[in-house]
PDB file of N, CA and C in Angstrom:
ATOM      1  N   MET A   1       0.851  -1.176   0.000  1.00  0.00           N
ATOM      2  CA  MET A   1       0.000   0.000   0.000  1.00  0.00           C
ATOM      3  C   MET A   1       0.891   1.232   0.000  1.00  0.00           C
ATOM      4  N   ASN A   2       0.577   2.183  -0.834  1.00  0.00           N
ATOM      5  CA  ASN A   2       1.373   3.397  -0.959  1.00  0.00           C
ATOM      6  C   ASN A   2       0.700   4.528  -0.182  1.00  0.00           C
ATOM      7  N   LEU A   3       1.384   5.038   0.817  1.00  0.00           N
ATOM      8  CA  LEU A   3       0.857   6.141   1.609  1.00  0.00           C
ATOM      9  C   LEU A   3       1.473   7.441   1.113  1.00  0.00           C
ATOM     10  N   ASP A   4       0.696   8.204   0.353  1.00  0.00           N
ATOM     11  CA  ASP A   4       1.223   9.412  -0.269  1.00  0.00           C
ATOM     12  C   ASP A   4       1.374  10.589   0.690  1.00  0.00           C
ATOM     13  N   LEU A   5       0.335  10.898   1.436  1.00  0.00           N
ATOM     14  CA  LEU A   5       0.348  12.098   2.276  1.00  0.00           C
ATOM     15  C   LEU A   5       0.590  11.819   3.745  1.00  0.00           C
ATOM     16  N   ILE A   6       0.067  10.726   4.236  1.00  0.00           N
ATOM     17  CA  ILE A   6       0.049  10.478   5.675  1.00  0.00           C
ATOM     18  C   ILE A   6       0.831   9.210   5.974  1.00  0.00           C
ATOM     19  N   HIS A   7       1.833   9.341   6.851  1.00  0.00           N
ATOM     20  CA  HIS A   7       2.725   8.222   7.135  1.00  0.00           C
ATOM     21  C   HIS A   7       2.741   7.817   8.601  1.00  0.00           C
ATOM     22  N   ASN A   8       2.122   8.611   9.479  1.00  0.00           N
ATOM     23  CA  ASN A   8       2.131   8.297  10.909  1.00  0.00           C
ATOM     24  C   ASN A   8       0.968   8.995  11.602  1.00  0.00           C
ATOM     25  N   ASP A   9       0.797   8.690  12.895  1.00  0.00           N
ATOM     26  CA  ASP A   9      -0.332   9.252  13.655  1.00  0.00           C
ATOM     27  C   ASP A   9      -0.297  10.771  13.722  1.00  0.00           C
ATOM     28  N   GLY A  10       0.887  11.326  13.892  1.00  0.00           N
ATOM     29  CA  GLY A  10       1.015  12.782  13.968  1.00  0.00           C
ATOM     30  C   GLY A  10       0.554  13.458  12.689  1.00  0.00           C
ATOM     31  N   GLU A  11       0.977  12.919  11.564  1.00  0.00           N
ATOM     32  CA  GLU A  11       0.544  13.475  10.274  1.00  0.00           C
ATOM     33  C   GLU A  11      -0.960  13.311  10.091  1.00  0.00           C
ATOM     34  N   ALA A  12      -1.504  12.184  10.544  1.00  0.00           N
ATOM     35  CA  ALA A  12      -2.947  11.960  10.429  1.00  0.00           C
ATOM     36  C   ALA A  12      -3.717  12.999  11.236  1.00  0.00           C
ATOM     37  N   SER A  13      -3.259  13.261  12.449  1.00  0.00           N
ATOM     38  CA  SER A  13      -3.923  14.260  13.300  1.00  0.00           C
ATOM     39  C   SER A  13      -3.863  15.642  12.671  1.00  0.00           C
ATOM     40  N   GLN A  14      -2.695  16.013  12.194  1.00  0.00           N
ATOM     41  CA  GLN A  14      -2.531  17.341  11.574  1.00  0.00           C
ATOM     42  C   GLN A  14      -3.392  17.465  10.314  1.00  0.00           C
ATOM     43  N   ALA A  15      -3.410  16.417   9.513  1.00  0.00           N
ATOM     44  CA  ALA A  15      -4.202  16.445   8.281  1.00  0.00           C
ATOM     45  C   ALA A  15      -5.682  16.602   8.594  1.00  0.00           C
ATOM     46  N   PHE A  16      -6.157  15.857   9.587  1.00  0.00           N
ATOM     47  CA  PHE A  16      -7.568  15.957   9.967  1.00  0.00           C
ATOM     48  C   PHE A  16      -7.913  17.363  10.433  1.00  0.00           C
ATOM     49  N   LEU A  17      -7.058  17.929  11.276  1.00  0.00           N
ATOM     50  CA  LEU A  17      -7.313  19.272  11.792  1.00  0.00           C
ATOM     51  C   LEU A  17      -7.254  20.338  10.700  1.00  0.00           C
ATOM     52  N   SER A  18      -6.505  20.078   9.644  1.00  0.00           N
ATOM     53  CA  SER A  18      -6.347  21.075   8.580  1.00  0.00           C
ATOM     54  C   SER A  18      -7.491  21.051   7.567  1.00  0.00           C
ATOM     55  N   LEU A  19      -8.358  20.048   7.620  1.00  0.00           N
ATOM     56  CA  LEU A  19      -9.402  19.900   6.601  1.00  0.00           C
ATOM     57  C   LEU A  19     -10.255  21.147   6.423  1.00  0.00           C
ATOM     58  N   LYS A  20     -10.602  21.790   7.522  1.00  0.00           N
ATOM     59  CA  LYS A  20     -11.523  22.938   7.435  1.00  0.00           C
ATOM     60  C   LYS A  20     -10.925  24.114   6.674  1.00  0.00           C
ATOM     61  N   ASP A  21      -9.611  24.173   6.575  1.00  0.00           N
ATOM     62  CA  ASP A  21      -8.941  25.293   5.916  1.00  0.00           C
ATOM     63  C   ASP A  21      -8.591  25.015   4.458  1.00  0.00           C
ATOM     64  N   LYS A  22      -9.015  23.875   3.935  1.00  0.00           N
ATOM     65  CA  LYS A  22      -8.641  23.455   2.574  1.00  0.00           C
ATOM     66  C   LYS A  22      -9.819  23.581   1.617  1.00  0.00           C
ATOM     67  N   PHE A  23      -9.477  23.693   0.340  1.00  0.00           N
ATOM     68  CA  PHE A  23     -10.504  23.670  -0.695  1.00  0.00           C
ATOM     69  C   PHE A  23     -11.021  22.251  -0.860  1.00  0.00           C
ATOM     70  N   ARG A  24     -12.200  22.121  -1.428  1.00  0.00           N
ATOM     71  CA  ARG A  24     -12.895  20.837  -1.545  1.00  0.00           C
ATOM     72  C   ARG A  24     -12.009  19.757  -2.170  1.00  0.00           C
ATOM     73  N   GLU A  25     -11.304  20.069  -3.250  1.00  0.00           N
ATOM     74  CA  GLU A  25     -10.470  19.066  -3.924  1.00  0.00           C
ATOM     75  C   GLU A  25      -9.358  18.558  -3.000  1.00  0.00           C
ATOM     76  N   GLU A  26      -8.728  19.461  -2.284  1.00  0.00           N
ATOM     77  CA  GLU A  26      -7.665  19.054  -1.365  1.00  0.00           C
ATOM     78  C   GLU A  26      -8.237  18.284  -0.169  1.00  0.00           C
ATOM     79  N   GLN A  27      -9.432  18.683   0.290  1.00  0.00           N
ATOM     80  CA  GLN A  27     -10.093  17.944   1.371  1.00  0.00           C
ATOM     81  C   GLN A  27     -10.312  16.499   0.974  1.00  0.00           C
ATOM     82  N   GLU A  28     -10.753  16.279  -0.248  1.00  0.00           N
ATOM     83  CA  GLU A  28     -11.014  14.914  -0.707  1.00  0.00           C
ATOM     84  C   GLU A  28      -9.727  14.099  -0.759  1.00  0.00           C
ATOM     85  N   LYS A  29      -8.661  14.708  -1.226  1.00  0.00           N
ATOM     86  CA  LYS A  29      -7.374  14.010  -1.277  1.00  0.00           C
ATOM     87  C   LYS A  29      -6.910  13.640   0.137  1.00  0.00           C
ATOM     88  N   ILE A  30      -7.074  14.558   1.074  1.00  0.00           N
ATOM     89  CA  ILE A  30      -6.686  14.297   2.470  1.00  0.00           C
ATOM     90  C   ILE A  30      -7.569  13.203   3.063  1.00  0.00           C
ATOM     91  N   ARG A  31      -8.865  13.266   2.811  1.00  0.00           N
ATOM     92  CA  ARG A  31      -9.789  12.233   3.323  1.00  0.00           C
ATOM     93  C   ARG A  31      -9.405  10.848   2.813  1.00  0.00           C
ATOM     94  N   GLN A  32      -9.094  10.762   1.533  1.00  0.00           N
ATOM     95  CA  GLN A  32      -8.695   9.469   0.970  1.00  0.00           C
ATOM     96  C   GLN A  32      -7.390   8.975   1.604  1.00  0.00           C
ATOM     97  N   SER A  33      -6.467   9.879   1.824  1.00  0.00           N
ATOM     98  CA  SER A  33      -5.206   9.507   2.465  1.00  0.00           C
ATOM     99  C   SER A  33      -5.432   9.066   3.900  1.00  0.00           C
ATOM    100  N   LEU A  34      -6.335   9.748   4.602  1.00  0.00           N
ATOM    101  CA  LEU A  34      -6.672   9.338   5.964  1.00  0.00           C
ATOM    102  C   LEU A  34      -7.285   7.940   5.979  1.00  0.00           C
ATOM    103  N   LEU A  35      -8.173   7.672   5.043  1.00  0.00           N
ATOM    104  CA  LEU A  35      -8.791   6.345   4.963  1.00  0.00           C
ATOM    105  C   LEU A  35      -7.750   5.266   4.693  1.00  0.00           C
ATOM    106  N   GLU A  36      -6.822   5.533   3.785  1.00  0.00           N
ATOM    107  CA  GLU A  36      -5.777   4.563   3.487  1.00  0.00           C
ATOM    108  C   GLU A  36      -4.897   4.316   4.710  1.00  0.00           C
ATOM    109  N   TYR A  37      -4.514   5.388   5.381  1.00  0.00           N
ATOM    110  CA  TYR A  37      -3.665   5.249   6.561  1.00  0.00           C
ATOM    111  C   TYR A  37      -4.404   4.485   7.666  1.00  0.00           C
ATOM    112  N   CYS A  38      -5.648   4.851   7.915  1.00  0.00           N
ATOM    113  CA  CYS A  38      -6.419   4.194   8.975  1.00  0.00           C
ATOM    114  C   CYS A  38      -6.682   2.724   8.651  1.00  0.00           C
ATOM    115  N   LYS A  39      -6.907   2.434   7.383  1.00  0.00           N
ATOM    116  CA  LYS A  39      -7.115   1.042   6.977  1.00  0.00           C
ATOM    117  C   LYS A  39      -5.864   0.215   7.293  1.00  0.00           C
ATOM    118  N   LEU A  40      -4.705   0.723   6.954  1.00  0.00           N
ATOM    119  CA  LEU A  40      -3.461   0.016   7.220  1.00  0.00           C
ATOM    120  C   LEU A  40      -3.196  -0.080   8.720  1.00  0.00           C
ATOM    121  N   ASP A  41      -3.465   0.995   9.441  1.00  0.00           N
ATOM    122  CA  ASP A  41      -3.264   1.008  10.886  1.00  0.00           C
ATOM    123  C   ASP A  41      -4.162  -0.025  11.568  1.00  0.00           C
ATOM    124  N   THR A  42      -5.418  -0.098  11.156  1.00  0.00           N
ATOM    125  CA  THR A  42      -6.356  -1.065  11.723  1.00  0.00           C
ATOM    126  C   THR A  42      -5.939  -2.487  11.379  1.00  0.00           C
ATOM    127  N   TYR A  43      -5.534  -2.710  10.142  1.00  0.00           N
ATOM    128  CA  TYR A  43      -5.075  -4.038   9.727  1.00  0.00           C
ATOM    129  C   TYR A  43      -3.898  -4.490  10.592  1.00  0.00           C
ATOM    130  N   THR A  44      -2.980  -3.587  10.846  1.00  0.00           N
ATOM    131  CA  THR A  44      -1.816  -3.904  11.682  1.00  0.00           C
ATOM    132  C   THR A  44      -2.240  -4.284  13.089  1.00  0.00           C
ATOM    133  N   MET A  45      -3.184  -3.559  13.654  1.00  0.00           N
ATOM    134  CA  MET A  45      -3.653  -3.866  15.010  1.00  0.00           C
ATOM    135  C   MET A  45      -4.337  -5.236  15.055  1.00  0.00           C
ATOM    136  N   VAL A  46      -5.079  -5.578  14.022  1.00  0.00           N
ATOM    137  CA  VAL A  46      -5.727  -6.888  13.963  1.00  0.00           C
ATOM    138  C   VAL A  46      -4.671  -7.993  13.911  1.00  0.00           C
ATOM    139  N   LYS A  47      -3.626  -7.802  13.113  1.00  0.00           N
ATOM    140  CA  LYS A  47      -2.563  -8.805  13.024  1.00  0.00           C
ATOM    141  C   LYS A  47      -1.837  -8.954  14.365  1.00  0.00           C
ATOM    142  N   ILE A  48      -1.607  -7.867  15.068  1.00  0.00           N
ATOM    143  CA  ILE A  48      -0.977  -7.925  16.389  1.00  0.00           C
ATOM    144  C   ILE A  48      -1.885  -8.686  17.352  1.00  0.00           C
ATOM    145  N   PHE A  49      -3.171  -8.392  17.334  1.00  0.00           N
ATOM    146  CA  PHE A  49      -4.124  -9.080  18.193  1.00  0.00           C
ATOM    147  C   PHE A  49      -4.134 -10.578  17.900  1.00  0.00           C
ATOM    148  N   ASP A  50      -4.126 -10.929  16.614  1.00  0.00           N
ATOM    149  CA  ASP A  50      -4.089 -12.351  16.241  1.00  0.00           C
ATOM    150  C   ASP A  50      -2.844 -13.027  16.805  1.00  0.00           C
ATOM    151  N   LYS A  51      -1.722 -12.356  16.759  1.00  0.00           N
ATOM    152  CA  LYS A  51      -0.486 -12.932  17.271  1.00  0.00           C
ATOM    153  C   LYS A  51      -0.562 -13.102  18.791  1.00  0.00           C
ATOM    154  N   PHE A  52      -1.142 -12.123  19.487  1.00  0.00           N
ATOM    155  CA  PHE A  52      -1.322 -12.259  20.937  1.00  0.00           C
ATOM    156  C   PHE A  52      -2.196 -13.473  21.254  1.00  0.00           C
ATOM    157  N   LYS A  53      -3.246 -13.682  20.483  1.00  0.00           N
ATOM    158  CA  LYS A  53      -4.102 -14.842  20.712  1.00  0.00           C
ATOM    159  C   LYS A  53      -3.322 -16.144  20.538  1.00  0.00           C
ATOM    160  N   GLU A  54      -2.460 -16.204  19.540  1.00  0.00           N
ATOM    161  CA  GLU A  54      -1.633 -17.394  19.316  1.00  0.00           C
ATOM    162  C   GLU A  54      -0.731 -17.658  20.520  1.00  0.00           C
ATOM    163  N   VAL A  55      -0.130 -16.630  21.035  1.00  0.00           N
ATOM    164  CA  VAL A  55       0.832 -16.757  22.125  1.00  0.00           C
ATOM    165  C   VAL A  55       0.145 -17.165  23.417  1.00  0.00           C
ATOM    166  N   THR A  56      -1.064 -16.709  23.650  1.00  0.00           N
ATOM    167  CA  THR A  56      -1.746 -16.985  24.915  1.00  0.00           C
ATOM    168  C   THR A  56      -2.508 -18.304  24.920  1.00  0.00           C
ATOM    169  N   ASN A  57      -2.657 -18.912  23.762  1.00  0.00           N
ATOM    170  CA  ASN A  57      -3.379 -20.195  23.706  1.00  0.00           C
ATOM    171  C   ASN A  57      -2.458 -21.362  23.825  1.00  0.00           C
TER     172      ASN A  57
END
């Protein structure tokens, strides 16, 4: 997965807070980048959880 605009939690927070000051086209690009970042972040947390389940069983 290619993360163009957002690479970490700090960038995600800043991007979200900046949405209100952007034009519609840039808002959409930021929203899509946030979705991509959050999707990858959530996937990673699920994989970590799965590994914890393996270790505790």
